[in-house]
Amino acid sequence: MSEAKKTTDHETIRRWAEARNGHPATVQGTGKGDDAGILRIDFDEPGDDDDDRLEEITWDEFFDKFEEKRLAFLYQEKTASGEPSTFNKLVSR
């Protein structure tokens, strides 16, 4: 099995996500006012109906919330078979 890595570096997170066609998103209904709510990396194309609860947000909004909640990004570069992995999870620092 491929090893998971953990980072708080914004550029590393952004490069990893964008290399896999991912973009920052929030789960609708989990935030109030300017609060972005629960954060996710969404790998669907914008406008797809695969998970209509996710709403795309900007990287600035994502990282503001990421820092506010003192999160870290757990991710995997490749699957056990060597393919690029989309495994990721936001965890407490």
Protein backbone atom coordinates (compact mmCIF):
# COMPACT_ATOMS: atom_id res chain seq x y z
CA MET A 1 0.00 0.00 0.00
CA SER A 2 1.20 3.50 -0.78
CA GLU A 3 2.16 5.73 2.13
CA ALA A 4 0.05 8.73 3.17
CA LYS A 5 1.72 12.10 3.71
CA LYS A 6 0.60 15.07 5.78
CA THR A 7 1.15 18.76 5.04
CA THR A 8 -0.06 22.24 5.89
CA ASP A 9 1.70 23.85 2.91
CA HIS A 10 -0.87 25.62 0.75
CA GLU A 11 1.08 25.30 -2.51
CA THR A 12 1.64 21.57 -2.01
CA ILE A 13 -2.08 21.06 -1.41
CA ARG A 14 -3.11 23.18 -4.37
CA ARG A 15 -0.62 21.53 -6.77
CA TRP A 16 -1.64 18.04 -5.63
CA ALA A 17 -5.36 18.77 -6.11
CA GLU A 18 -5.02 20.57 -9.45
CA ALA A 19 -2.79 17.80 -10.85
CA ARG A 20 -5.80 15.51 -10.33
CA ASN A 21 -8.36 18.01 -11.65
CA GLY A 22 -9.51 18.75 -8.10
CA HIS A 23 -10.83 22.05 -6.84
CA PRO A 24 -11.76 23.40 -3.40
CA ALA A 25 -15.34 22.97 -2.29
CA THR A 26 -17.60 23.25 0.72
CA VAL A 27 -20.52 21.07 1.74
CA GLN A 28 -23.64 23.17 1.26
CA GLY A 29 -25.58 24.00 4.39
CA THR A 30 -22.62 23.51 6.75
CA GLY A 31 -21.50 27.14 6.94
CA LYS A 32 -23.16 30.34 8.07
CA GLY A 33 -22.54 33.80 6.67
CA ASP A 34 -18.89 34.05 5.63
CA ASP A 35 -18.07 30.64 7.16
CA ALA A 36 -17.16 28.17 4.40
CA GLY A 37 -18.42 25.19 6.40
CA ILE A 38 -17.02 21.68 5.88
CA LEU A 39 -14.18 21.68 3.37
CA ARG A 40 -13.55 19.12 0.64
CA ILE A 41 -11.48 18.67 -2.50
CA ASP A 42 -13.94 17.95 -5.32
CA PHE A 43 -12.72 15.95 -8.32
CA ASP A 44 -15.91 16.33 -10.35
CA GLU A 45 -16.13 18.79 -13.17
CA PRO A 46 -17.94 21.99 -12.16
CA GLY A 47 -21.63 21.60 -12.94
CA ASP A 48 -21.64 17.79 -12.67
CA ASP A 49 -24.49 16.39 -10.62
CA ASP A 50 -22.46 13.58 -8.98
CA ASP A 51 -22.54 15.31 -5.60
CA ASP A 52 -24.78 18.34 -5.75
CA ARG A 53 -24.13 19.07 -2.05
CA LEU A 54 -20.64 20.34 -2.91
CA GLU A 55 -20.22 23.96 -3.89
CA GLU A 56 -16.99 25.19 -5.45
CA ILE A 57 -15.15 27.91 -3.50
CA THR A 58 -11.95 29.82 -4.17
CA TRP A 59 -8.57 28.64 -2.94
CA ASP A 60 -8.41 31.78 -0.77
CA GLU A 61 -11.70 30.84 0.94
CA PHE A 62 -10.51 27.26 1.34
CA PHE A 63 -7.18 28.21 2.91
CA ASP A 64 -8.72 30.88 5.16
CA LYS A 65 -10.99 28.21 6.65
CA PHE A 66 -8.14 25.65 6.62
CA GLU A 67 -6.00 27.95 8.78
CA GLU A 68 -8.89 29.09 10.99
CA LYS A 69 -9.72 25.48 11.89
CA ARG A 70 -6.00 24.55 12.17
CA LEU A 71 -6.30 21.69 9.70
CA ALA A 72 -3.67 19.55 8.01
CA PHE A 73 -3.99 17.77 4.67
CA LEU A 74 -3.47 14.00 4.64
CA TYR A 75 -2.95 12.68 1.12
CA GLN A 76 -1.55 9.89 -1.00
CA GLU A 77 0.56 10.43 -4.13
CA LYS A 78 -0.05 7.04 -5.77
CA THR A 79 -2.22 3.99 -5.27
CA ALA A 80 -0.67 0.58 -4.53
CA SER A 81 -0.79 -0.12 -8.29
CA GLY A 82 1.16 3.08 -9.04
CA GLU A 83 -1.70 5.19 -10.39
CA PRO A 84 -2.19 8.79 -9.17
CA SER A 85 -4.32 8.67 -6.03
CA THR A 86 -7.12 11.04 -5.09
CA PHE A 87 -7.15 9.87 -1.46
CA ASN A 88 -7.19 12.87 0.86
CA LYS A 89 -8.55 13.84 4.23
CA LEU A 90 -8.55 17.03 6.26
CA VAL A 91 -7.43 16.33 9.82
CA SER A 92 -6.63 18.33 12.95
CA ARG A 93 -3.05 19.47 13.31
